[in-house]
Amino acid sequence: ADDTLVLNALNGNICITATNGKIRLQGTDIELVAIGEGDKGKGHITCSATEQFTVHKTPKIILDSDSLTKITSGGIMWIASNSCMKIYSSIIRGVTDAVAIKDSKVGGQYFCKENNQTN
């Protein structure tokens, strides 16, 4: 129940680098927590990879956000389910890239432009 190792930097960063090797974190549970300070641009967790980001061999993946969840791709995106896929929303809006040339009767060019920029 007690903490066995505590690594603390009161000010500044902690950098762990393996120039020619892997960094492995292994434990019964792993928690990543970023504590922000309101609108000061803090409280973010960023993951990036130059080639591939893979989550595998897990029975459940749960993404839960209060205001926005966005998954984008500049290329191909696959969404597949072998048993049941449920989609629920108060409004579901689908727009194809055809509206980039000629707007649809319900609009869509703005939605197209907004979503053709992957961030």
N, C-alpha and C. Protein backbone atom coordinates (compact mmCIF):
# COMPACT_ATOMS: atom_id res chain seq x y z
N ALA A 1 0.82 -1.21 0.00
CA ALA A 1 0.00 0.00 0.00
C ALA A 1 0.85 1.26 0.00
N ASP A 2 2.08 1.15 0.45
CA ASP A 2 2.97 2.32 0.50
C ASP A 2 3.66 2.52 -0.85
N ASP A 3 3.99 3.78 -1.16
CA ASP A 3 4.77 4.08 -2.37
C ASP A 3 6.20 3.63 -2.12
N THR A 4 6.74 2.84 -3.06
CA THR A 4 8.10 2.32 -2.91
C THR A 4 9.13 3.26 -3.53
N LEU A 5 8.79 3.89 -4.63
CA LEU A 5 9.70 4.82 -5.30
C LEU A 5 8.91 6.08 -5.65
N VAL A 6 9.44 7.22 -5.27
CA VAL A 6 8.84 8.50 -5.61
C VAL A 6 9.88 9.33 -6.33
N LEU A 7 9.56 9.77 -7.55
CA LEU A 7 10.43 10.63 -8.35
C LEU A 7 9.69 11.94 -8.50
N ASN A 8 10.23 13.02 -7.96
CA ASN A 8 9.50 14.27 -7.90
C ASN A 8 10.38 15.41 -8.39
N ALA A 9 9.86 16.23 -9.29
CA ALA A 9 10.53 17.45 -9.72
C ALA A 9 9.62 18.61 -9.34
N LEU A 10 10.02 19.42 -8.39
CA LEU A 10 9.18 20.54 -7.96
C LEU A 10 9.00 21.56 -9.08
N ASN A 11 10.05 21.81 -9.84
CA ASN A 11 10.01 22.71 -10.98
C ASN A 11 10.75 22.08 -12.14
N GLY A 12 10.20 22.18 -13.33
CA GLY A 12 10.88 21.65 -14.51
C GLY A 12 10.33 20.30 -14.94
N ASN A 13 10.99 19.72 -15.91
CA ASN A 13 10.55 18.49 -16.55
C ASN A 13 11.31 17.29 -16.01
N ILE A 14 10.74 16.11 -16.21
CA ILE A 14 11.42 14.84 -15.99
C ILE A 14 11.49 14.17 -17.35
N CYS A 15 12.68 13.88 -17.83
CA CYS A 15 12.87 13.27 -19.14
C CYS A 15 13.45 11.88 -18.96
N ILE A 16 12.82 10.89 -19.57
CA ILE A 16 13.33 9.53 -19.60
C ILE A 16 13.56 9.21 -21.06
N THR A 17 14.80 8.92 -21.43
CA THR A 17 15.15 8.73 -22.83
C THR A 17 15.92 7.43 -23.00
N ALA A 18 15.52 6.65 -23.98
CA ALA A 18 16.28 5.47 -24.39
C ALA A 18 16.63 5.69 -25.86
N THR A 19 17.81 6.22 -26.12
CA THR A 19 18.20 6.62 -27.46
C THR A 19 18.14 5.47 -28.46
N ASN A 20 18.61 4.31 -28.07
CA ASN A 20 18.62 3.15 -28.96
C ASN A 20 17.90 1.97 -28.33
N GLY A 21 16.81 2.22 -27.64
CA GLY A 21 16.09 1.13 -26.98
C GLY A 21 14.65 1.50 -26.72
N LYS A 22 13.94 0.62 -26.04
CA LYS A 22 12.53 0.81 -25.72
C LYS A 22 12.37 1.26 -24.28
N ILE A 23 11.29 1.94 -24.01
CA ILE A 23 10.89 2.27 -22.65
C ILE A 23 9.63 1.47 -22.37
N ARG A 24 9.67 0.67 -21.34
CA ARG A 24 8.52 -0.17 -21.00
C ARG A 24 7.99 0.24 -19.62
N LEU A 25 6.70 0.45 -19.54
CA LEU A 25 6.03 0.68 -18.26
C LEU A 25 5.14 -0.54 -18.03
N GLN A 26 5.35 -1.24 -16.95
CA GLN A 26 4.57 -2.44 -16.69
C GLN A 26 4.17 -2.46 -15.23
N GLY A 27 2.94 -2.75 -14.98
CA GLY A 27 2.45 -2.83 -13.62
C GLY A 27 1.04 -3.40 -13.60
N THR A 28 0.52 -3.66 -12.43
CA THR A 28 -0.85 -4.16 -12.31
C THR A 28 -1.82 -3.17 -12.95
N ASP A 29 -1.64 -1.90 -12.71
CA ASP A 29 -2.39 -0.82 -13.34
C ASP A 29 -1.41 0.30 -13.67
N ILE A 30 -1.69 1.01 -14.74
CA ILE A 30 -0.88 2.18 -15.11
C ILE A 30 -1.83 3.35 -15.26
N GLU A 31 -1.56 4.43 -14.56
CA GLU A 31 -2.40 5.62 -14.61
C GLU A 31 -1.59 6.78 -15.16
N LEU A 32 -2.13 7.47 -16.15
CA LEU A 32 -1.54 8.71 -16.66
C LEU A 32 -2.52 9.82 -16.31
N VAL A 33 -2.08 10.77 -15.51
CA VAL A 33 -2.95 11.85 -15.06
C VAL A 33 -2.23 13.17 -15.31
N ALA A 34 -2.89 14.08 -16.01
CA ALA A 34 -2.36 15.43 -16.20
C ALA A 34 -3.30 16.39 -15.48
N ILE A 35 -2.78 17.14 -14.56
CA ILE A 35 -3.60 18.06 -13.77
C ILE A 35 -3.41 19.47 -14.31
N GLY A 36 -4.46 20.04 -14.84
CA GLY A 36 -4.39 21.37 -15.43
C GLY A 36 -4.82 22.45 -14.47
N GLU A 37 -4.68 23.67 -14.95
CA GLU A 37 -5.04 24.84 -14.15
C GLU A 37 -6.02 25.70 -14.93
N GLY A 38 -7.24 25.25 -15.11
CA GLY A 38 -8.24 26.05 -15.81
C GLY A 38 -7.90 26.25 -17.26
N ASP A 39 -7.95 27.50 -17.73
CA ASP A 39 -7.69 27.83 -19.13
C ASP A 39 -6.24 28.20 -19.40
N LYS A 40 -5.31 27.70 -18.62
CA LYS A 40 -3.91 28.06 -18.79
C LYS A 40 -3.16 27.11 -19.73
N GLY A 41 -3.89 26.29 -20.49
CA GLY A 41 -3.25 25.42 -21.47
C GLY A 41 -2.55 24.23 -20.85
N LYS A 42 -2.91 23.85 -19.64
CA LYS A 42 -2.28 22.71 -18.99
C LYS A 42 -3.34 21.65 -18.72
N GLY A 43 -2.90 20.44 -18.51
CA GLY A 43 -3.81 19.34 -18.26
C GLY A 43 -4.01 18.47 -19.50
N HIS A 44 -3.02 18.40 -20.38
CA HIS A 44 -3.10 17.65 -21.62
C HIS A 44 -2.23 16.40 -21.54
N ILE A 45 -2.66 15.33 -22.17
CA ILE A 45 -1.83 14.16 -22.40
C ILE A 45 -1.72 14.00 -23.90
N THR A 46 -0.50 13.95 -24.41
CA THR A 46 -0.26 13.84 -25.84
C THR A 46 0.54 12.58 -26.13
N CYS A 47 0.06 11.78 -27.05
CA CYS A 47 0.79 10.60 -27.52
C CYS A 47 1.00 10.76 -29.01
N SER A 48 2.19 10.47 -29.47
CA SER A 48 2.45 10.53 -30.91
C SER A 48 3.48 9.47 -31.26
N ALA A 49 3.44 9.05 -32.49
CA ALA A 49 4.38 8.06 -33.00
C ALA A 49 4.70 8.41 -34.44
N THR A 50 5.94 8.20 -34.85
CA THR A 50 6.31 8.51 -36.23
C THR A 50 5.78 7.48 -37.22
N GLU A 51 5.41 6.30 -36.76
CA GLU A 51 4.95 5.26 -37.67
C GLU A 51 3.56 4.73 -37.33
N GLN A 52 3.35 4.24 -36.13
CA GLN A 52 2.08 3.57 -35.81
C GLN A 52 1.80 3.66 -34.32
N PHE A 53 0.54 3.88 -33.98
CA PHE A 53 0.07 3.87 -32.59
C PHE A 53 -0.93 2.73 -32.50
N THR A 54 -0.63 1.72 -31.69
CA THR A 54 -1.43 0.51 -31.65
C THR A 54 -1.93 0.25 -30.24
N VAL A 55 -3.20 -0.05 -30.12
CA VAL A 55 -3.78 -0.54 -28.88
C VAL A 55 -4.33 -1.92 -29.23
N HIS A 56 -3.83 -2.94 -28.57
CA HIS A 56 -4.26 -4.29 -28.94
C HIS A 56 -4.35 -5.19 -27.73
N LYS A 57 -4.95 -6.34 -27.93
CA LYS A 57 -5.08 -7.39 -26.92
C LYS A 57 -5.73 -6.88 -25.64
N THR A 58 -6.78 -6.10 -25.79
CA THR A 58 -7.54 -5.63 -24.65
C THR A 58 -9.02 -5.88 -24.89
N PRO A 59 -9.75 -6.37 -23.91
CA PRO A 59 -11.16 -6.66 -24.15
C PRO A 59 -12.06 -5.42 -24.26
N LYS A 60 -11.67 -4.30 -23.69
CA LYS A 60 -12.51 -3.10 -23.73
C LYS A 60 -11.65 -1.86 -23.93
N ILE A 61 -12.13 -0.95 -24.74
CA ILE A 61 -11.54 0.39 -24.87
C ILE A 61 -12.68 1.37 -24.65
N ILE A 62 -12.54 2.24 -23.67
CA ILE A 62 -13.60 3.18 -23.34
C ILE A 62 -13.04 4.60 -23.47
N LEU A 63 -13.63 5.39 -24.35
CA LEU A 63 -13.31 6.80 -24.49
C LEU A 63 -14.51 7.57 -23.98
N ASP A 64 -14.31 8.43 -23.01
CA ASP A 64 -15.42 9.15 -22.41
C ASP A 64 -15.00 10.61 -22.22
N SER A 65 -15.69 11.52 -22.88
CA SER A 65 -15.35 12.93 -22.76
C SER A 65 -16.60 13.74 -22.45
N ASP A 66 -16.40 14.91 -21.85
CA ASP A 66 -17.52 15.75 -21.47
C ASP A 66 -18.06 16.61 -22.61
N SER A 67 -17.18 17.05 -23.54
CA SER A 67 -17.66 18.00 -24.54
C SER A 67 -17.35 17.59 -25.98
N LEU A 68 -16.25 16.90 -26.27
CA LEU A 68 -15.91 16.61 -27.66
C LEU A 68 -15.06 15.34 -27.72
N THR A 69 -15.40 14.46 -28.64
CA THR A 69 -14.56 13.33 -29.00
C THR A 69 -14.43 13.38 -30.50
N LYS A 70 -13.21 13.46 -31.01
CA LYS A 70 -12.99 13.61 -32.44
C LYS A 70 -11.96 12.59 -32.90
N ILE A 71 -12.32 11.81 -33.89
CA ILE A 71 -11.41 10.85 -34.50
C ILE A 71 -11.34 11.21 -35.97
N THR A 72 -10.16 11.57 -36.46
CA THR A 72 -10.02 11.98 -37.85
C THR A 72 -8.90 11.21 -38.52
N SER A 73 -8.95 11.17 -39.83
CA SER A 73 -7.90 10.54 -40.62
C SER A 73 -7.75 11.31 -41.92
N GLY A 74 -6.53 11.55 -42.32
CA GLY A 74 -6.27 12.17 -43.61
C GLY A 74 -6.34 11.16 -44.73
N GLY A 75 -6.49 9.90 -44.39
CA GLY A 75 -6.56 8.82 -45.37
C GLY A 75 -7.79 7.96 -45.17
N ILE A 76 -7.59 6.68 -45.02
CA ILE A 76 -8.68 5.71 -44.90
C ILE A 76 -8.99 5.47 -43.44
N MET A 77 -10.29 5.38 -43.11
CA MET A 77 -10.71 5.04 -41.75
C MET A 77 -11.68 3.87 -41.83
N TRP A 78 -11.43 2.87 -41.03
CA TRP A 78 -12.33 1.72 -40.97
C TRP A 78 -13.00 1.69 -39.62
N ILE A 79 -14.29 1.44 -39.62
CA ILE A 79 -15.04 1.18 -38.41
C ILE A 79 -15.80 -0.11 -38.66
N ALA A 80 -15.55 -1.12 -37.85
CA ALA A 80 -16.16 -2.42 -38.07
C ALA A 80 -16.51 -3.07 -36.74
N SER A 81 -17.56 -3.84 -36.75
CA SER A 81 -17.97 -4.60 -35.58
C SER A 81 -18.49 -5.95 -36.06
N ASN A 82 -18.05 -7.02 -35.42
CA ASN A 82 -18.49 -8.35 -35.84
C ASN A 82 -19.78 -8.80 -35.17
N SER A 83 -20.26 -8.04 -34.19
CA SER A 83 -21.52 -8.45 -33.57
C SER A 83 -22.56 -7.34 -33.69
N CYS A 84 -22.44 -6.27 -32.95
CA CYS A 84 -23.45 -5.22 -32.96
C CYS A 84 -22.77 -3.85 -32.87
N MET A 85 -23.17 -2.92 -33.73
CA MET A 85 -22.67 -1.56 -33.65
C MET A 85 -23.85 -0.66 -33.33
N LYS A 86 -23.72 0.11 -32.26
CA LYS A 86 -24.78 1.03 -31.87
C LYS A 86 -24.28 2.45 -32.04
N ILE A 87 -25.09 3.28 -32.65
CA ILE A 87 -24.78 4.69 -32.81
C ILE A 87 -26.00 5.45 -32.31
N TYR A 88 -25.79 6.36 -31.36
CA TYR A 88 -26.90 7.13 -30.80
C TYR A 88 -26.51 8.60 -30.77
N SER A 89 -27.43 9.45 -31.13
CA SER A 89 -27.23 10.89 -31.05
C SER A 89 -28.57 11.58 -31.14
N SER A 90 -28.65 12.80 -30.62
CA SER A 90 -29.89 13.56 -30.79
C SER A 90 -30.02 14.00 -32.24
N ILE A 91 -28.89 14.24 -32.92
CA ILE A 91 -28.89 14.58 -34.34
C ILE A 91 -27.75 13.81 -34.99
N ILE A 92 -28.04 13.15 -36.09
CA ILE A 92 -27.00 12.48 -36.87
C ILE A 92 -26.95 13.17 -38.23
N ARG A 93 -25.78 13.64 -38.59
CA ARG A 93 -25.63 14.37 -39.85
C ARG A 93 -24.53 13.71 -40.65
N GLY A 94 -24.85 13.32 -41.85
CA GLY A 94 -23.85 12.71 -42.73
C GLY A 94 -23.65 13.57 -43.95
N VAL A 95 -22.40 13.83 -44.30
CA VAL A 95 -22.07 14.65 -45.45
C VAL A 95 -20.97 13.94 -46.22
N THR A 96 -21.12 13.84 -47.52
CA THR A 96 -20.07 13.27 -48.35
C THR A 96 -19.21 14.40 -48.92
N ASP A 97 -18.09 14.03 -49.48
CA ASP A 97 -17.16 15.02 -50.03
C ASP A 97 -17.72 15.66 -51.31
N ALA A 98 -18.83 15.17 -51.82
CA ALA A 98 -19.44 15.76 -53.02
C ALA A 98 -19.87 17.20 -52.78
N VAL A 99 -20.17 17.57 -51.51
CA VAL A 99 -20.59 18.94 -51.22
C VAL A 99 -19.45 19.94 -51.39
N ALA A 100 -18.22 19.47 -51.54
CA ALA A 100 -17.09 20.37 -51.76
C ALA A 100 -17.25 21.11 -53.09
N ILE A 101 -17.91 20.46 -54.06
CA ILE A 101 -18.11 21.06 -55.38
C ILE A 101 -19.47 21.74 -55.46
N LYS A 102 -20.52 21.04 -55.01
CA LYS A 102 -21.88 21.59 -55.05
C LYS A 102 -22.53 21.32 -53.71
N ASP A 103 -22.94 22.39 -53.04
CA ASP A 103 -23.54 22.26 -51.71
C ASP A 103 -24.85 21.46 -51.79
N SER A 104 -25.16 20.73 -50.73
CA SER A 104 -26.40 19.96 -50.68
C SER A 104 -27.56 20.87 -50.30
N LYS A 105 -28.78 20.36 -50.40
CA LYS A 105 -29.95 21.18 -50.09
C LYS A 105 -30.05 21.51 -48.61
N VAL A 106 -29.36 20.76 -47.76
CA VAL A 106 -29.37 21.05 -46.33
C VAL A 106 -28.04 21.66 -45.88
N GLY A 107 -27.23 22.09 -46.82
CA GLY A 107 -25.92 22.65 -46.49
C GLY A 107 -24.92 21.54 -46.25
N GLY A 108 -23.70 21.88 -46.09
CA GLY A 108 -22.70 20.86 -45.84
C GLY A 108 -21.30 21.29 -46.25
N GLN A 109 -21.18 22.35 -47.04
CA GLN A 109 -19.85 22.78 -47.47
C GLN A 109 -19.00 23.21 -46.28
N TYR A 110 -19.58 23.91 -45.32
CA TYR A 110 -18.82 24.32 -44.14
C TYR A 110 -18.36 23.09 -43.36
N PHE A 111 -19.27 22.12 -43.19
CA PHE A 111 -18.96 20.88 -42.49
C PHE A 111 -17.84 20.14 -43.21
N CYS A 112 -17.88 20.14 -44.52
CA CYS A 112 -16.85 19.48 -45.34
C CYS A 112 -15.50 20.17 -45.15
N LYS A 113 -15.47 21.49 -45.23
CA LYS A 113 -14.22 22.24 -45.06
C LYS A 113 -13.65 22.06 -43.65
N GLU A 114 -14.53 22.07 -42.66
CA GLU A 114 -14.11 21.93 -41.27
C GLU A 114 -13.48 20.57 -41.00
N ASN A 115 -14.00 19.54 -41.65
CA ASN A 115 -13.54 18.18 -41.38
C ASN A 115 -12.49 17.68 -42.36
N ASN A 116 -12.12 18.48 -43.33
CA ASN A 116 -11.02 18.10 -44.21
C ASN A 116 -9.68 18.61 -43.70
N GLN A 117 -9.68 19.17 -42.50
CA GLN A 117 -8.45 19.60 -41.86
C GLN A 117 -8.21 18.69 -40.67
N THR A 118 -7.27 17.74 -40.78
CA THR A 118 -6.98 16.86 -39.67
C THR A 118 -6.01 17.55 -38.74
N ASN A 119 -6.35 17.56 -37.47
CA ASN A 119 -5.49 18.19 -36.44
C ASN A 119 -5.05 17.16 -35.45
